[in-house]
Amino acid sequence: MDKNITEAEEKLSALNLDKELKKACGVREKEINDEITRMRGARDEGKIEGKREIIEAMRKNGITDEI
């Protein structure tokens, strides 16, 4: 997952985005990272088992495969 985020950051950096769009992208990236952290924490607490459940939970929360 971190590799995908790194690739996305590189692509965004390559684009000449205006400040507002860059800010919105940063906010969304933080939301995604926070959700990943929550999913990992839930898995560690035994609420979610394995990667498949994490992926399904992330999809239910609007995180696409592209992200």
PDB file of N, CA and C in Angstrom:
ATOM      1  N   MET A   1       0.822  -1.184   0.000  1.00  0.00           N
ATOM      2  CA  MET A   1       0.000   0.000   0.000  1.00  0.00           C
ATOM      3  C   MET A   1       0.871   1.254   0.000  1.00  0.00           C
ATOM      4  N   ASP A   2       1.942   1.257   0.785  1.00  0.00           N
ATOM      5  CA  ASP A   2       2.820   2.426   0.842  1.00  0.00           C
ATOM      6  C   ASP A   2       3.449   2.706  -0.509  1.00  0.00           C
ATOM      7  N   LYS A   3       3.755   1.657  -1.284  1.00  0.00           N
ATOM      8  CA  LYS A   3       4.325   1.837  -2.612  1.00  0.00           C
ATOM      9  C   LYS A   3       3.333   2.571  -3.504  1.00  0.00           C
ATOM     10  N   ASN A   4       2.055   2.223  -3.413  1.00  0.00           N
ATOM     11  CA  ASN A   4       1.027   2.885  -4.204  1.00  0.00           C
ATOM     12  C   ASN A   4       0.905   4.354  -3.836  1.00  0.00           C
ATOM     13  N   ILE A   5       0.983   4.652  -2.560  1.00  0.00           N
ATOM     14  CA  ILE A   5       0.907   6.044  -2.115  1.00  0.00           C
ATOM     15  C   ILE A   5       2.107   6.827  -2.635  1.00  0.00           C
ATOM     16  N   THR A   6       3.282   6.226  -2.581  1.00  0.00           N
ATOM     17  CA  THR A   6       4.485   6.879  -3.083  1.00  0.00           C
ATOM     18  C   THR A   6       4.363   7.168  -4.575  1.00  0.00           C
ATOM     19  N   GLU A   7       3.861   6.198  -5.330  1.00  0.00           N
ATOM     20  CA  GLU A   7       3.672   6.398  -6.767  1.00  0.00           C
ATOM     21  C   GLU A   7       2.662   7.503  -7.034  1.00  0.00           C
ATOM     22  N   ALA A   8       1.599   7.536  -6.258  1.00  0.00           N
ATOM     23  CA  ALA A   8       0.586   8.582  -6.420  1.00  0.00           C
ATOM     24  C   ALA A   8       1.171   9.955  -6.125  1.00  0.00           C
ATOM     25  N   GLU A   9       1.992  10.035  -5.071  1.00  0.00           N
ATOM     26  CA  GLU A   9       2.638  11.306  -4.730  1.00  0.00           C
ATOM     27  C   GLU A   9       3.541  11.780  -5.861  1.00  0.00           C
ATOM     28  N   GLU A  10       4.279  10.871  -6.464  1.00  0.00           N
ATOM     29  CA  GLU A  10       5.169  11.234  -7.559  1.00  0.00           C
ATOM     30  C   GLU A  10       4.390  11.757  -8.762  1.00  0.00           C
ATOM     31  N   LYS A  11       3.267  11.105  -9.048  1.00  0.00           N
ATOM     32  CA  LYS A  11       2.434  11.543 -10.176  1.00  0.00           C
ATOM     33  C   LYS A  11       1.833  12.913  -9.895  1.00  0.00           C
ATOM     34  N   LEU A  12       1.385  13.130  -8.669  1.00  0.00           N
ATOM     35  CA  LEU A  12       0.829  14.429  -8.322  1.00  0.00           C
ATOM     36  C   LEU A  12       1.883  15.524  -8.399  1.00  0.00           C
ATOM     37  N   SER A  13       3.084  15.208  -7.966  1.00  0.00           N
ATOM     38  CA  SER A  13       4.172  16.184  -8.019  1.00  0.00           C
ATOM     39  C   SER A  13       4.504  16.565  -9.457  1.00  0.00           C
ATOM     40  N   ALA A  14       4.362  15.618 -10.350  1.00  0.00           N
ATOM     41  CA  ALA A  14       4.685  15.860 -11.749  1.00  0.00           C
ATOM     42  C   ALA A  14       3.659  16.778 -12.410  1.00  0.00           C
ATOM     43  N   LEU A  15       2.452  16.781 -11.897  1.00  0.00           N
ATOM     44  CA  LEU A  15       1.407  17.637 -12.448  1.00  0.00           C
ATOM     45  C   LEU A  15       1.559  19.053 -11.909  1.00  0.00           C
ATOM     46  N   ASN A  16       1.136  19.998 -12.708  1.00  0.00           N
ATOM     47  CA  ASN A  16       1.196  21.381 -12.258  1.00  0.00           C
ATOM     48  C   ASN A  16      -0.173  21.752 -11.703  1.00  0.00           C
ATOM     49  N   LEU A  17      -0.438  21.313 -10.465  1.00  0.00           N
ATOM     50  CA  LEU A  17      -1.729  21.526  -9.841  1.00  0.00           C
ATOM     51  C   LEU A  17      -1.749  22.859  -9.097  1.00  0.00           C
ATOM     52  N   ASP A  18      -2.919  23.498  -9.077  1.00  0.00           N
ATOM     53  CA  ASP A  18      -3.019  24.732  -8.311  1.00  0.00           C
ATOM     54  C   ASP A  18      -3.036  24.436  -6.811  1.00  0.00           C
ATOM     55  N   LYS A  19      -2.857  25.461  -6.012  1.00  0.00           N
ATOM     56  CA  LYS A  19      -2.713  25.278  -4.562  1.00  0.00           C
ATOM     57  C   LYS A  19      -3.940  24.631  -3.931  1.00  0.00           C
ATOM     58  N   GLU A  20      -5.129  25.008  -4.354  1.00  0.00           N
ATOM     59  CA  GLU A  20      -6.345  24.451  -3.750  1.00  0.00           C
ATOM     60  C   GLU A  20      -6.469  22.955  -4.028  1.00  0.00           C
ATOM     61  N   LEU A  21      -6.151  22.542  -5.236  1.00  0.00           N
ATOM     62  CA  LEU A  21      -6.229  21.127  -5.573  1.00  0.00           C
ATOM     63  C   LEU A  21      -5.170  20.338  -4.816  1.00  0.00           C
ATOM     64  N   LYS A  22      -3.974  20.907  -4.702  1.00  0.00           N
ATOM     65  CA  LYS A  22      -2.921  20.247  -3.926  1.00  0.00           C
ATOM     66  C   LYS A  22      -3.344  20.093  -2.472  1.00  0.00           C
ATOM     67  N   LYS A  23      -3.986  21.133  -1.927  1.00  0.00           N
ATOM     68  CA  LYS A  23      -4.445  21.069  -0.545  1.00  0.00           C
ATOM     69  C   LYS A  23      -5.505  19.980  -0.385  1.00  0.00           C
ATOM     70  N   ALA A  24      -6.449  19.923  -1.319  1.00  0.00           N
ATOM     71  CA  ALA A  24      -7.502  18.906  -1.266  1.00  0.00           C
ATOM     72  C   ALA A  24      -6.899  17.509  -1.366  1.00  0.00           C
ATOM     73  N   CYS A  25      -5.907  17.343  -2.214  1.00  0.00           N
ATOM     74  CA  CYS A  25      -5.242  16.038  -2.352  1.00  0.00           C
ATOM     75  C   CYS A  25      -4.535  15.656  -1.058  1.00  0.00           C
ATOM     76  N   GLY A  26      -3.913  16.617  -0.424  1.00  0.00           N
ATOM     77  CA  GLY A  26      -3.238  16.349   0.841  1.00  0.00           C
ATOM     78  C   GLY A  26      -4.207  15.932   1.933  1.00  0.00           C
ATOM     79  N   VAL A  27      -5.352  16.615   1.976  1.00  0.00           N
ATOM     80  CA  VAL A  27      -6.374  16.265   2.965  1.00  0.00           C
ATOM     81  C   VAL A  27      -6.872  14.847   2.717  1.00  0.00           C
ATOM     82  N   ARG A  28      -7.143  14.514   1.446  1.00  0.00           N
ATOM     83  CA  ARG A  28      -7.632  13.170   1.115  1.00  0.00           C
ATOM     84  C   ARG A  28      -6.582  12.113   1.445  1.00  0.00           C
ATOM     85  N   GLU A  29      -5.324  12.410   1.162  1.00  0.00           N
ATOM     86  CA  GLU A  29      -4.251  11.467   1.476  1.00  0.00           C
ATOM     87  C   GLU A  29      -4.192  11.203   2.978  1.00  0.00           C
ATOM     88  N   LYS A  30      -4.346  12.256   3.781  1.00  0.00           N
ATOM     89  CA  LYS A  30      -4.351  12.086   5.238  1.00  0.00           C
ATOM     90  C   LYS A  30      -5.524  11.217   5.669  1.00  0.00           C
ATOM     91  N   GLU A  31      -6.694  11.439   5.074  1.00  0.00           N
ATOM     92  CA  GLU A  31      -7.861  10.619   5.397  1.00  0.00           C
ATOM     93  C   GLU A  31      -7.592   9.146   5.086  1.00  0.00           C
ATOM     94  N   ILE A  32      -6.979   8.893   3.946  1.00  0.00           N
ATOM     95  CA  ILE A  32      -6.667   7.521   3.538  1.00  0.00           C
ATOM     96  C   ILE A  32      -5.685   6.895   4.523  1.00  0.00           C
ATOM     97  N   ASN A  33      -4.644   7.628   4.858  1.00  0.00           N
ATOM     98  CA  ASN A  33      -3.655   7.106   5.805  1.00  0.00           C
ATOM     99  C   ASN A  33      -4.275   6.843   7.170  1.00  0.00           C
ATOM    100  N   ASP A  34      -5.166   7.732   7.603  1.00  0.00           N
ATOM    101  CA  ASP A  34      -5.855   7.532   8.878  1.00  0.00           C
ATOM    102  C   ASP A  34      -6.720   6.281   8.831  1.00  0.00           C
ATOM    103  N   GLU A  35      -7.415   6.069   7.717  1.00  0.00           N
ATOM    104  CA  GLU A  35      -8.269   4.883   7.584  1.00  0.00           C
ATOM    105  C   GLU A  35      -7.431   3.604   7.598  1.00  0.00           C
ATOM    106  N   ILE A  36      -6.295   3.640   6.929  1.00  0.00           N
ATOM    107  CA  ILE A  36      -5.394   2.484   6.935  1.00  0.00           C
ATOM    108  C   ILE A  36      -4.941   2.185   8.358  1.00  0.00           C
ATOM    109  N   THR A  37      -4.595   3.217   9.095  1.00  0.00           N
ATOM    110  CA  THR A  37      -4.171   3.046  10.482  1.00  0.00           C
ATOM    111  C   THR A  37      -5.296   2.449  11.325  1.00  0.00           C
ATOM    112  N   ARG A  38      -6.522   2.946  11.145  1.00  0.00           N
ATOM    113  CA  ARG A  38      -7.666   2.396  11.890  1.00  0.00           C
ATOM    114  C   ARG A  38      -7.899   0.931  11.533  1.00  0.00           C
ATOM    115  N   MET A  39      -7.780   0.597  10.246  1.00  0.00           N
ATOM    116  CA  MET A  39      -7.998  -0.785   9.818  1.00  0.00           C
ATOM    117  C   MET A  39      -6.931  -1.709  10.412  1.00  0.00           C
ATOM    118  N   ARG A  40      -5.697  -1.256  10.412  1.00  0.00           N
ATOM    119  CA  ARG A  40      -4.622  -2.062  11.002  1.00  0.00           C
ATOM    120  C   ARG A  40      -4.829  -2.241  12.498  1.00  0.00           C
ATOM    121  N   GLY A  41      -5.252  -1.170  13.164  1.00  0.00           N
ATOM    122  CA  GLY A  41      -5.521  -1.249  14.596  1.00  0.00           C
ATOM    123  C   GLY A  41      -6.655  -2.216  14.892  1.00  0.00           C
ATOM    124  N   ALA A  42      -7.714  -2.159  14.082  1.00  0.00           N
ATOM    125  CA  ALA A  42      -8.847  -3.069  14.266  1.00  0.00           C
ATOM    126  C   ALA A  42      -8.407  -4.507  14.042  1.00  0.00           C
ATOM    127  N   ARG A  43      -7.574  -4.714  13.036  1.00  0.00           N
ATOM    128  CA  ARG A  43      -7.072  -6.068  12.782  1.00  0.00           C
ATOM    129  C   ARG A  43      -6.264  -6.558  13.975  1.00  0.00           C
ATOM    130  N   ASP A  44      -5.396  -5.696  14.490  1.00  0.00           N
ATOM    131  CA  ASP A  44      -4.552  -6.078  15.620  1.00  0.00           C
ATOM    132  C   ASP A  44      -5.386  -6.368  16.867  1.00  0.00           C
ATOM    133  N   GLU A  45      -6.536  -5.718  16.997  1.00  0.00           N
ATOM    134  CA  GLU A  45      -7.421  -5.953  18.138  1.00  0.00           C
ATOM    135  C   GLU A  45      -8.325  -7.151  17.917  1.00  0.00           C
ATOM    136  N   GLY A  46      -8.232  -7.754  16.743  1.00  0.00           N
ATOM    137  CA  GLY A  46      -9.030  -8.936  16.456  1.00  0.00           C
ATOM    138  C   GLY A  46     -10.408  -8.639  15.903  1.00  0.00           C
ATOM    139  N   LYS A  47     -10.693  -7.367  15.589  1.00  0.00           N
ATOM    140  CA  LYS A  47     -11.997  -7.015  15.046  1.00  0.00           C
ATOM    141  C   LYS A  47     -12.091  -7.323  13.563  1.00  0.00           C
ATOM    142  N   ILE A  48     -10.955  -7.292  12.892  1.00  0.00           N
ATOM    143  CA  ILE A  48     -10.891  -7.600  11.469  1.00  0.00           C
ATOM    144  C   ILE A  48      -9.785  -8.616  11.276  1.00  0.00           C
ATOM    145  N   GLU A  49     -10.059  -9.648  10.507  1.00  0.00           N
ATOM    146  CA  GLU A  49      -9.080 -10.707  10.273  1.00  0.00           C
ATOM    147  C   GLU A  49      -8.468 -10.568   8.883  1.00  0.00           C
ATOM    148  N   GLY A  50      -7.189 -10.402   8.808  1.00  0.00           N
ATOM    149  CA  GLY A  50      -6.449 -10.495   7.562  1.00  0.00           C
ATOM    150  C   GLY A  50      -6.661  -9.368   6.566  1.00  0.00           C
ATOM    151  N   LYS A  51      -5.915  -9.461   5.460  1.00  0.00           N
ATOM    152  CA  LYS A  51      -5.897  -8.423   4.435  1.00  0.00           C
ATOM    153  C   LYS A  51      -7.216  -8.314   3.681  1.00  0.00           C
ATOM    154  N   ARG A  52      -7.847  -9.436   3.392  1.00  0.00           N
ATOM    155  CA  ARG A  52      -9.098  -9.410   2.627  1.00  0.00           C
ATOM    156  C   ARG A  52     -10.148  -8.551   3.328  1.00  0.00           C
ATOM    157  N   GLU A  53     -10.302  -8.715   4.628  1.00  0.00           N
ATOM    158  CA  GLU A  53     -11.275  -7.949   5.373  1.00  0.00           C
ATOM    159  C   GLU A  53     -10.914  -6.469   5.411  1.00  0.00           C
ATOM    160  N   ILE A  54      -9.637  -6.177   5.510  1.00  0.00           N
ATOM    161  CA  ILE A  54      -9.190  -4.780   5.499  1.00  0.00           C
ATOM    162  C   ILE A  54      -9.534  -4.150   4.160  1.00  0.00           C
ATOM    163  N   ILE A  55      -9.247  -4.850   3.078  1.00  0.00           N
ATOM    164  CA  ILE A  55      -9.536  -4.332   1.745  1.00  0.00           C
ATOM    165  C   ILE A  55     -11.034  -4.105   1.581  1.00  0.00           C
ATOM    166  N   GLU A  56     -11.837  -5.053   1.995  1.00  0.00           N
ATOM    167  CA  GLU A  56     -13.291  -4.905   1.882  1.00  0.00           C
ATOM    168  C   GLU A  56     -13.790  -3.725   2.706  1.00  0.00           C
ATOM    169  N   ALA A  57     -13.265  -3.560   3.908  1.00  0.00           N
ATOM    170  CA  ALA A  57     -13.674  -2.443   4.760  1.00  0.00           C
ATOM    171  C   ALA A  57     -13.264  -1.117   4.141  1.00  0.00           C
ATOM    172  N   MET A  58     -12.077  -1.062   3.553  1.00  0.00           N
ATOM    173  CA  MET A  58     -11.612   0.168   2.909  1.00  0.00           C
ATOM    174  C   MET A  58     -12.492   0.501   1.709  1.00  0.00           C
ATOM    175  N   ARG A  59     -12.858  -0.492   0.921  1.00  0.00           N
ATOM    176  CA  ARG A  59     -13.734  -0.256  -0.233  1.00  0.00           C
ATOM    177  C   ARG A  59     -15.087   0.270   0.214  1.00  0.00           C
ATOM    178  N   LYS A  60     -15.616  -0.267   1.307  1.00  0.00           N
ATOM    179  CA  LYS A  60     -16.896   0.209   1.832  1.00  0.00           C
ATOM    180  C   LYS A  60     -16.809   1.665   2.254  1.00  0.00           C
ATOM    181  N   ASN A  61     -15.614   2.116   2.614  1.00  0.00           N
ATOM    182  CA  ASN A  61     -15.392   3.500   3.029  1.00  0.00           C
ATOM    183  C   ASN A  61     -14.968   4.407   1.879  1.00  0.00           C
ATOM    184  N   GLY A  62     -15.105   3.895   0.641  1.00  0.00           N
ATOM    185  CA  GLY A  62     -14.855   4.729  -0.528  1.00  0.00           C
ATOM    186  C   GLY A  62     -13.428   4.765  -1.022  1.00  0.00           C
ATOM    187  N   ILE A  63     -12.573   3.919  -0.512  1.00  0.00           N
ATOM    188  CA  ILE A  63     -11.188   3.881  -0.968  1.00  0.00           C
ATOM    189  C   ILE A  63     -11.107   2.898  -2.137  1.00  0.00           C
ATOM    190  N   THR A  64     -10.768   3.412  -3.311  1.00  0.00           N
ATOM    191  CA  THR A  64     -10.755   2.594  -4.513  1.00  0.00           C
ATOM    192  C   THR A  64      -9.436   1.870  -4.683  1.00  0.00           C
ATOM    193  N   ASP A  65      -9.422   0.898  -5.590  1.00  0.00           N
ATOM    194  CA  ASP A  65      -8.190   0.170  -5.879  1.00  0.00           C
ATOM    195  C   ASP A  65      -7.114   1.099  -6.436  1.00  0.00           C
ATOM    196  N   GLU A  66      -7.523   2.113  -7.190  1.00  0.00           N
ATOM    197  CA  GLU A  66      -6.561   3.050  -7.773  1.00  0.00           C
ATOM    198  C   GLU A  66      -5.818   3.823  -6.702  1.00  0.00           C
ATOM    199  N   ILE A  67      -6.532   4.152  -5.613  1.00  0.00           N
ATOM    200  CA  ILE A  67      -5.906   4.899  -4.513  1.00  0.00           C
ATOM    201  C   ILE A  67      -4.908   4.004  -3.839  1.00  0.00           C
TER     202      ILE A  67
END
